Amino acid sequence: MTRTSTRQAAEPTLLYVMKQLELAVRSRLDDMFRPEGMTALQYTALTVLERHPDLTSAQLARNSFVTNQTMADMVTMLQSRELIERHRDPVDRRRLVLALTVSGRQLLRKYRGKVAALEQEMLHGLDTVEAARLREFLLTCRENLANGA
């Protein structure tokens, strides 16, 4: 077998393809949010708070896939822009938790259509059933790694 045929036969690993997809999505989101002075990671943190309000900074870091230090810097920036606020946890008054502000919700609404269009572009060529199956498969993969399967 020649070197050329060996190279042609070797497919990239699924992990590599998934990382390339993540980088492409992140780059497009960074471009989308640049006019707002935001990054894809900051947008992700806002969407996490939209789905799960009243998280601590450490919980938000875990759910946003960043370090606690990165999240601390991000929280400072998002608070200064009045997109999130810190308040006492109603259940445990000793804990400070984070939540979206009205401005944070408005920003997410403003970009919801653009983000949905990016997702549709990514899914081009897949029908509704295939897209649903892809989501299911990816969620299963995430669960497997989270649970140490």
N, C-alpha and C. Protein backbone atom coordinates (compact mmCIF):
# COMPACT_ATOMS: atom_id res chain seq x y z
N MET A 1 0.84 -1.18 0.00
CA MET A 1 0.00 0.00 0.00
C MET A 1 0.89 1.24 0.00
N THR A 2 0.57 2.20 -0.84
CA THR A 2 1.37 3.42 -0.91
C THR A 2 0.97 4.38 0.20
N ARG A 3 1.82 5.36 0.40
CA ARG A 3 1.52 6.37 1.43
C ARG A 3 0.22 7.10 1.12
N THR A 4 -0.03 7.40 -0.15
CA THR A 4 -1.23 8.12 -0.54
C THR A 4 -2.47 7.32 -0.20
N SER A 5 -2.49 6.04 -0.53
CA SER A 5 -3.69 5.24 -0.25
C SER A 5 -3.89 5.05 1.25
N THR A 6 -2.80 5.02 2.03
CA THR A 6 -2.92 4.92 3.48
C THR A 6 -3.57 6.18 4.03
N ARG A 7 -3.12 7.35 3.53
CA ARG A 7 -3.69 8.62 3.99
C ARG A 7 -5.16 8.71 3.63
N GLN A 8 -5.53 8.28 2.45
CA GLN A 8 -6.92 8.35 2.02
C GLN A 8 -7.81 7.43 2.85
N ALA A 9 -7.29 6.31 3.28
CA ALA A 9 -8.08 5.32 4.01
C ALA A 9 -8.29 5.73 5.47
N ALA A 10 -7.39 6.52 6.02
CA ALA A 10 -7.48 6.88 7.44
C ALA A 10 -8.50 8.00 7.62
N GLU A 11 -9.60 7.68 8.26
CA GLU A 11 -10.61 8.70 8.55
C GLU A 11 -10.27 9.37 9.86
N PRO A 12 -10.64 10.65 9.99
CA PRO A 12 -10.39 11.31 11.28
C PRO A 12 -11.24 10.66 12.37
N THR A 13 -10.73 10.69 13.57
CA THR A 13 -11.51 10.12 14.67
C THR A 13 -12.75 10.98 14.91
N LEU A 14 -13.74 10.40 15.52
CA LEU A 14 -14.95 11.14 15.85
C LEU A 14 -14.65 12.28 16.82
N LEU A 15 -13.72 12.05 17.75
CA LEU A 15 -13.33 13.11 18.68
C LEU A 15 -12.74 14.31 17.93
N TYR A 16 -11.92 14.02 16.91
CA TYR A 16 -11.34 15.10 16.11
C TYR A 16 -12.42 15.87 15.37
N VAL A 17 -13.35 15.17 14.76
CA VAL A 17 -14.44 15.81 14.01
C VAL A 17 -15.29 16.66 14.94
N MET A 18 -15.58 16.15 16.13
CA MET A 18 -16.39 16.90 17.09
C MET A 18 -15.66 18.16 17.54
N LYS A 19 -14.36 18.08 17.75
CA LYS A 19 -13.58 19.25 18.15
C LYS A 19 -13.57 20.28 17.03
N GLN A 20 -13.41 19.83 15.80
CA GLN A 20 -13.43 20.75 14.66
C GLN A 20 -14.79 21.45 14.56
N LEU A 21 -15.86 20.72 14.80
CA LEU A 21 -17.21 21.31 14.79
C LEU A 21 -17.33 22.35 15.89
N GLU A 22 -16.86 22.00 17.09
CA GLU A 22 -16.92 22.95 18.21
C GLU A 22 -16.17 24.23 17.88
N LEU A 23 -14.98 24.10 17.29
CA LEU A 23 -14.19 25.28 16.95
C LEU A 23 -14.87 26.12 15.88
N ALA A 24 -15.50 25.47 14.91
CA ALA A 24 -16.21 26.20 13.85
C ALA A 24 -17.41 26.96 14.42
N VAL A 25 -18.17 26.30 15.30
CA VAL A 25 -19.34 26.95 15.92
C VAL A 25 -18.87 28.11 16.79
N ARG A 26 -17.85 27.88 17.58
CA ARG A 26 -17.36 28.92 18.47
C ARG A 26 -16.87 30.14 17.69
N SER A 27 -16.18 29.90 16.58
CA SER A 27 -15.70 30.99 15.74
C SER A 27 -16.87 31.79 15.18
N ARG A 28 -17.89 31.10 14.70
CA ARG A 28 -19.06 31.80 14.13
C ARG A 28 -19.81 32.57 15.22
N LEU A 29 -19.94 31.98 16.41
CA LEU A 29 -20.61 32.69 17.51
C LEU A 29 -19.78 33.90 17.95
N ASP A 30 -18.46 33.75 18.01
CA ASP A 30 -17.61 34.89 18.34
C ASP A 30 -17.83 36.03 17.35
N ASP A 31 -17.89 35.69 16.05
CA ASP A 31 -18.14 36.70 15.02
C ASP A 31 -19.51 37.36 15.23
N MET A 32 -20.50 36.55 15.56
CA MET A 32 -21.86 37.04 15.74
C MET A 32 -21.95 38.01 16.91
N PHE A 33 -21.27 37.70 18.01
CA PHE A 33 -21.39 38.50 19.23
C PHE A 33 -20.34 39.61 19.36
N ARG A 34 -19.38 39.64 18.44
CA ARG A 34 -18.34 40.68 18.50
C ARG A 34 -18.93 42.08 18.53
N PRO A 35 -19.98 42.40 17.75
CA PRO A 35 -20.55 43.76 17.82
C PRO A 35 -21.09 44.11 19.21
N GLU A 36 -21.43 43.11 20.01
CA GLU A 36 -21.90 43.33 21.38
C GLU A 36 -20.74 43.40 22.37
N GLY A 37 -19.52 43.17 21.88
CA GLY A 37 -18.37 43.13 22.77
C GLY A 37 -18.37 41.87 23.63
N MET A 38 -18.93 40.80 23.08
CA MET A 38 -19.04 39.53 23.83
C MET A 38 -18.39 38.41 23.05
N THR A 39 -18.15 37.30 23.77
CA THR A 39 -17.60 36.09 23.16
C THR A 39 -18.63 34.97 23.20
N ALA A 40 -18.33 33.91 22.48
CA ALA A 40 -19.19 32.73 22.49
C ALA A 40 -19.30 32.15 23.90
N LEU A 41 -18.21 32.16 24.65
CA LEU A 41 -18.24 31.63 26.02
C LEU A 41 -19.15 32.46 26.92
N GLN A 42 -19.13 33.77 26.75
CA GLN A 42 -20.01 34.63 27.54
C GLN A 42 -21.47 34.39 27.17
N TYR A 43 -21.73 34.24 25.87
CA TYR A 43 -23.08 33.91 25.42
C TYR A 43 -23.53 32.58 26.03
N THR A 44 -22.65 31.59 26.03
CA THR A 44 -22.98 30.29 26.60
C THR A 44 -23.36 30.43 28.07
N ALA A 45 -22.60 31.21 28.81
CA ALA A 45 -22.91 31.41 30.23
C ALA A 45 -24.30 32.02 30.40
N LEU A 46 -24.66 32.98 29.55
CA LEU A 46 -25.99 33.59 29.63
C LEU A 46 -27.08 32.57 29.34
N THR A 47 -26.85 31.70 28.36
CA THR A 47 -27.88 30.70 28.03
C THR A 47 -28.02 29.67 29.16
N VAL A 48 -26.91 29.37 29.83
CA VAL A 48 -26.98 28.45 30.97
C VAL A 48 -27.83 29.07 32.07
N LEU A 49 -27.60 30.36 32.36
CA LEU A 49 -28.40 31.03 33.39
C LEU A 49 -29.86 31.16 32.98
N GLU A 50 -30.12 31.24 31.70
CA GLU A 50 -31.50 31.29 31.23
C GLU A 50 -32.22 29.97 31.54
N ARG A 51 -31.52 28.87 31.33
CA ARG A 51 -32.11 27.54 31.59
C ARG A 51 -32.07 27.15 33.05
N HIS A 52 -31.05 27.63 33.78
CA HIS A 52 -30.85 27.26 35.18
C HIS A 52 -30.54 28.49 36.01
N PRO A 53 -31.56 29.26 36.38
CA PRO A 53 -31.28 30.47 37.16
C PRO A 53 -30.79 30.13 38.57
N ASP A 54 -30.18 31.10 39.20
CA ASP A 54 -29.73 30.98 40.58
C ASP A 54 -28.64 29.93 40.78
N LEU A 55 -27.64 29.98 39.92
CA LEU A 55 -26.47 29.13 40.07
C LEU A 55 -25.36 29.93 40.75
N THR A 56 -24.52 29.23 41.51
CA THR A 56 -23.32 29.88 42.02
C THR A 56 -22.35 30.05 40.85
N SER A 57 -21.34 30.85 41.06
CA SER A 57 -20.33 31.06 40.03
C SER A 57 -19.64 29.73 39.67
N ALA A 58 -19.36 28.91 40.68
CA ALA A 58 -18.71 27.61 40.44
C ALA A 58 -19.62 26.69 39.63
N GLN A 59 -20.91 26.68 39.95
CA GLN A 59 -21.86 25.86 39.19
C GLN A 59 -21.96 26.35 37.75
N LEU A 60 -21.99 27.66 37.58
CA LEU A 60 -22.05 28.22 36.23
C LEU A 60 -20.79 27.86 35.45
N ALA A 61 -19.64 27.89 36.09
CA ALA A 61 -18.39 27.50 35.43
C ALA A 61 -18.47 26.06 34.94
N ARG A 62 -18.92 25.16 35.80
CA ARG A 62 -19.04 23.75 35.40
C ARG A 62 -20.00 23.58 34.23
N ASN A 63 -21.13 24.24 34.29
CA ASN A 63 -22.15 24.11 33.24
C ASN A 63 -21.75 24.82 31.94
N SER A 64 -20.81 25.75 32.04
CA SER A 64 -20.35 26.49 30.86
C SER A 64 -19.02 25.94 30.33
N PHE A 65 -18.46 24.94 31.00
CA PHE A 65 -17.23 24.26 30.58
C PHE A 65 -16.02 25.19 30.59
N VAL A 66 -15.93 26.01 31.65
CA VAL A 66 -14.76 26.87 31.83
C VAL A 66 -14.26 26.72 33.26
N THR A 67 -13.05 27.21 33.52
CA THR A 67 -12.49 27.13 34.87
C THR A 67 -13.18 28.16 35.77
N ASN A 68 -13.03 27.97 37.07
CA ASN A 68 -13.59 28.93 38.03
C ASN A 68 -12.99 30.32 37.84
N GLN A 69 -11.68 30.39 37.57
CA GLN A 69 -11.03 31.69 37.36
C GLN A 69 -11.58 32.39 36.11
N THR A 70 -11.73 31.63 35.02
CA THR A 70 -12.29 32.20 33.81
C THR A 70 -13.70 32.71 34.07
N MET A 71 -14.48 31.93 34.82
CA MET A 71 -15.84 32.34 35.13
C MET A 71 -15.86 33.57 36.01
N ALA A 72 -14.93 33.67 36.96
CA ALA A 72 -14.88 34.85 37.83
C ALA A 72 -14.69 36.11 36.99
N ASP A 73 -13.78 36.04 36.02
CA ASP A 73 -13.55 37.18 35.12
C ASP A 73 -14.79 37.46 34.27
N MET A 74 -15.42 36.40 33.81
CA MET A 74 -16.60 36.54 32.97
C MET A 74 -17.77 37.15 33.76
N VAL A 75 -17.95 36.71 35.00
CA VAL A 75 -19.01 37.24 35.85
C VAL A 75 -18.80 38.74 36.07
N THR A 76 -17.57 39.13 36.33
CA THR A 76 -17.27 40.55 36.52
C THR A 76 -17.68 41.35 35.29
N MET A 77 -17.31 40.86 34.11
CA MET A 77 -17.64 41.57 32.88
C MET A 77 -19.16 41.58 32.64
N LEU A 78 -19.83 40.45 32.83
CA LEU A 78 -21.27 40.38 32.57
C LEU A 78 -22.05 41.24 33.58
N GLN A 79 -21.55 41.31 34.81
CA GLN A 79 -22.19 42.18 35.81
C GLN A 79 -21.97 43.65 35.45
N SER A 80 -20.78 44.00 35.03
CA SER A 80 -20.50 45.40 34.68
C SER A 80 -21.36 45.86 33.50
N ARG A 81 -21.73 44.92 32.63
CA ARG A 81 -22.60 45.23 31.48
C ARG A 81 -24.07 45.10 31.85
N GLU A 82 -24.33 44.76 33.14
CA GLU A 82 -25.68 44.61 33.68
C GLU A 82 -26.50 43.54 32.93
N LEU A 83 -25.81 42.46 32.55
CA LEU A 83 -26.47 41.34 31.89
C LEU A 83 -26.83 40.25 32.90
N ILE A 84 -26.09 40.22 34.02
CA ILE A 84 -26.40 39.30 35.11
C ILE A 84 -26.32 40.06 36.42
N GLU A 85 -26.92 39.47 37.44
CA GLU A 85 -26.85 40.06 38.78
C GLU A 85 -26.58 38.97 39.79
N ARG A 86 -26.02 39.39 40.91
CA ARG A 86 -25.75 38.48 42.03
C ARG A 86 -26.75 38.81 43.12
N HIS A 87 -27.33 37.76 43.70
CA HIS A 87 -28.24 37.98 44.83
C HIS A 87 -28.19 36.78 45.78
N ARG A 88 -28.76 36.94 46.94
CA ARG A 88 -28.79 35.85 47.92
C ARG A 88 -29.72 34.76 47.43
N ASP A 89 -29.30 33.52 47.65
CA ASP A 89 -30.13 32.37 47.33
C ASP A 89 -31.34 32.38 48.26
N PRO A 90 -32.57 32.34 47.73
CA PRO A 90 -33.74 32.38 48.60
C PRO A 90 -33.83 31.16 49.54
N VAL A 91 -33.22 30.05 49.13
CA VAL A 91 -33.27 28.83 49.94
C VAL A 91 -32.17 28.84 51.01
N ASP A 92 -30.98 29.30 50.65
CA ASP A 92 -29.84 29.35 51.57
C ASP A 92 -29.25 30.76 51.52
N ARG A 93 -29.65 31.60 52.41
CA ARG A 93 -29.29 33.02 52.41
C ARG A 93 -27.78 33.26 52.50
N ARG A 94 -27.01 32.23 52.86
CA ARG A 94 -25.55 32.40 52.93
C ARG A 94 -24.91 32.37 51.55
N ARG A 95 -25.60 31.77 50.59
CA ARG A 95 -25.04 31.62 49.23
C ARG A 95 -25.41 32.79 48.34
N LEU A 96 -24.44 33.23 47.54
CA LEU A 96 -24.70 34.20 46.49
C LEU A 96 -24.86 33.45 45.18
N VAL A 97 -25.91 33.77 44.46
CA VAL A 97 -26.18 33.11 43.18
C VAL A 97 -26.32 34.15 42.08
N LEU A 98 -26.28 33.69 40.87
CA LEU A 98 -26.32 34.55 39.69
C LEU A 98 -27.62 34.33 38.93
N ALA A 99 -28.10 35.39 38.31
CA ALA A 99 -29.31 35.31 37.48
C ALA A 99 -29.21 36.35 36.38
N LEU A 100 -29.94 36.12 35.30
CA LEU A 100 -30.02 37.10 34.21
C LEU A 100 -30.77 38.33 34.67
N THR A 101 -30.40 39.46 34.14
CA THR A 101 -31.16 40.70 34.33
C THR A 101 -32.12 40.83 33.15
N VAL A 102 -32.94 41.85 33.20
CA VAL A 102 -33.83 42.14 32.07
C VAL A 102 -32.99 42.36 30.81
N SER A 103 -31.89 43.10 30.94
CA SER A 103 -31.00 43.35 29.79
C SER A 103 -30.40 42.05 29.25
N GLY A 104 -30.04 41.14 30.14
CA GLY A 104 -29.51 39.85 29.72
C GLY A 104 -30.54 39.06 28.93
N ARG A 105 -31.78 39.06 29.40
CA ARG A 105 -32.85 38.36 28.67
C ARG A 105 -33.11 39.00 27.31
N GLN A 106 -33.07 40.33 27.28
CA GLN A 106 -33.29 41.04 26.01
C GLN A 106 -32.19 40.70 25.01
N LEU A 107 -30.95 40.64 25.47
CA LEU A 107 -29.85 40.30 24.57
C LEU A 107 -30.03 38.90 23.99
N LEU A 108 -30.43 37.94 24.84
CA LEU A 108 -30.65 36.58 24.35
C LEU A 108 -31.78 36.55 23.33
N ARG A 109 -32.85 37.29 23.59
CA ARG A 109 -33.98 37.36 22.63
C ARG A 109 -33.52 37.96 21.30
N LYS A 110 -32.71 39.01 21.39
CA LYS A 110 -32.22 39.69 20.19
C LYS A 110 -31.46 38.73 19.27
N TYR A 111 -30.72 37.80 19.85
CA TYR A 111 -29.88 36.89 19.06
C TYR A 111 -30.47 35.51 18.84
N ARG A 112 -31.62 35.22 19.43
CA ARG A 112 -32.20 33.88 19.33
C ARG A 112 -32.36 33.44 17.87
N GLY A 113 -32.88 34.32 17.02
CA GLY A 113 -33.08 33.97 15.61
C GLY A 113 -31.77 33.73 14.88
N LYS A 114 -30.76 34.56 15.16
CA LYS A 114 -29.46 34.41 14.50
C LYS A 114 -28.78 33.11 14.92
N VAL A 115 -28.89 32.77 16.20
CA VAL A 115 -28.30 31.52 16.69
C VAL A 115 -29.04 30.33 16.09
N ALA A 116 -30.37 30.42 16.01
CA ALA A 116 -31.16 29.35 15.40
C ALA A 116 -30.79 29.18 13.92
N ALA A 117 -30.54 30.29 13.22
CA ALA A 117 -30.15 30.21 11.81
C ALA A 117 -28.79 29.53 11.66
N LEU A 118 -27.86 29.81 12.58
CA LEU A 118 -26.56 29.14 12.55
C LEU A 118 -26.74 27.64 12.76
N GLU A 119 -27.60 27.27 13.70
CA GLU A 119 -27.86 25.85 13.93
C GLU A 119 -28.47 25.20 12.69
N GLN A 120 -29.39 25.89 12.04
CA GLN A 120 -29.99 25.34 10.82
C GLN A 120 -28.95 25.19 9.71
N GLU A 121 -28.05 26.15 9.62
CA GLU A 121 -26.96 26.05 8.64
C GLU A 121 -26.10 24.83 8.92
N MET A 122 -25.80 24.62 10.20
CA MET A 122 -24.99 23.47 10.60
C MET A 122 -25.69 22.15 10.25
N LEU A 123 -27.01 22.13 10.39
CA LEU A 123 -27.77 20.91 10.17
C LEU A 123 -28.23 20.72 8.71
N HIS A 124 -27.84 21.63 7.85
CA HIS A 124 -28.24 21.54 6.43
C HIS A 124 -27.93 20.15 5.88
N GLY A 125 -28.89 19.58 5.20
CA GLY A 125 -28.70 18.24 4.63
C GLY A 125 -29.22 17.14 5.53
N LEU A 126 -29.57 17.47 6.78
CA LEU A 126 -30.17 16.49 7.69
C LEU A 126 -31.67 16.78 7.77
N ASP A 127 -32.47 15.72 7.75
CA ASP A 127 -33.90 15.96 7.94
C ASP A 127 -34.19 16.08 9.43
N THR A 128 -35.44 16.35 9.76
CA THR A 128 -35.83 16.58 11.16
C THR A 128 -35.53 15.38 12.04
N VAL A 129 -35.78 14.19 11.53
CA VAL A 129 -35.53 12.97 12.31
C VAL A 129 -34.03 12.79 12.53
N GLU A 130 -33.24 13.01 11.50
CA GLU A 130 -31.79 12.87 11.63
C GLU A 130 -31.22 13.90 12.62
N ALA A 131 -31.72 15.13 12.56
CA ALA A 131 -31.26 16.16 13.49
C ALA A 131 -31.63 15.78 14.93
N ALA A 132 -32.82 15.25 15.13
CA ALA A 132 -33.25 14.82 16.47
C ALA A 132 -32.39 13.66 16.95
N ARG A 133 -32.08 12.74 16.06
CA ARG A 133 -31.22 11.60 16.43
C ARG A 133 -29.81 12.07 16.77
N LEU A 134 -29.29 13.03 16.01
CA LEU A 134 -27.96 13.58 16.30
C LEU A 134 -27.95 14.19 17.69
N ARG A 135 -28.97 14.97 18.02
CA ARG A 135 -29.07 15.57 19.36
C ARG A 135 -29.09 14.47 20.42
N GLU A 136 -29.88 13.44 20.19
CA GLU A 136 -29.99 12.31 21.13
C GLU A 136 -28.64 11.62 21.30
N PHE A 137 -27.95 11.37 20.20
CA PHE A 137 -26.65 10.69 20.26
C PHE A 137 -25.63 11.54 21.03
N LEU A 138 -25.61 12.84 20.74
CA LEU A 138 -24.65 13.72 21.42
C LEU A 138 -24.95 13.81 22.91
N LEU A 139 -26.22 13.88 23.28
CA LEU A 139 -26.58 13.91 24.70
C LEU A 139 -26.17 12.61 25.40
N THR A 140 -26.33 11.50 24.71
CA THR A 140 -25.90 10.21 25.26
C THR A 140 -24.40 10.19 25.47
N CYS A 141 -23.64 10.68 24.50
CA CYS A 141 -22.18 10.73 24.62
C CYS A 141 -21.79 11.60 25.80
N ARG A 142 -22.45 12.76 25.95
CA ARG A 142 -22.14 13.65 27.07
C ARG A 142 -22.44 12.97 28.40
N GLU A 143 -23.58 12.29 28.49
CA GLU A 143 -23.94 11.57 29.71
C GLU A 143 -22.94 10.49 30.04
N ASN A 144 -22.52 9.76 29.02
CA ASN A 144 -21.55 8.68 29.23
C ASN A 144 -20.26 9.21 29.85
N LEU A 145 -19.78 10.33 29.36
CA LEU A 145 -18.54 10.89 29.90
C LEU A 145 -18.76 11.51 31.27
N ALA A 146 -19.91 12.13 31.47
CA ALA A 146 -20.21 12.73 32.78
C ALA A 146 -20.34 11.67 33.85
N ASN A 147 -20.86 10.52 33.48
CA ASN A 147 -21.09 9.43 34.45
C ASN A 147 -19.94 8.45 34.50
N GLY A 148 -18.91 8.68 33.69
CA GLY A 148 -17.76 7.77 33.71
C GLY A 148 -18.10 6.39 33.19
N ALA A 149 -18.98 6.33 32.19
CA ALA A 149 -19.42 5.03 31.63
C ALA A 149 -18.28 4.31 30.96
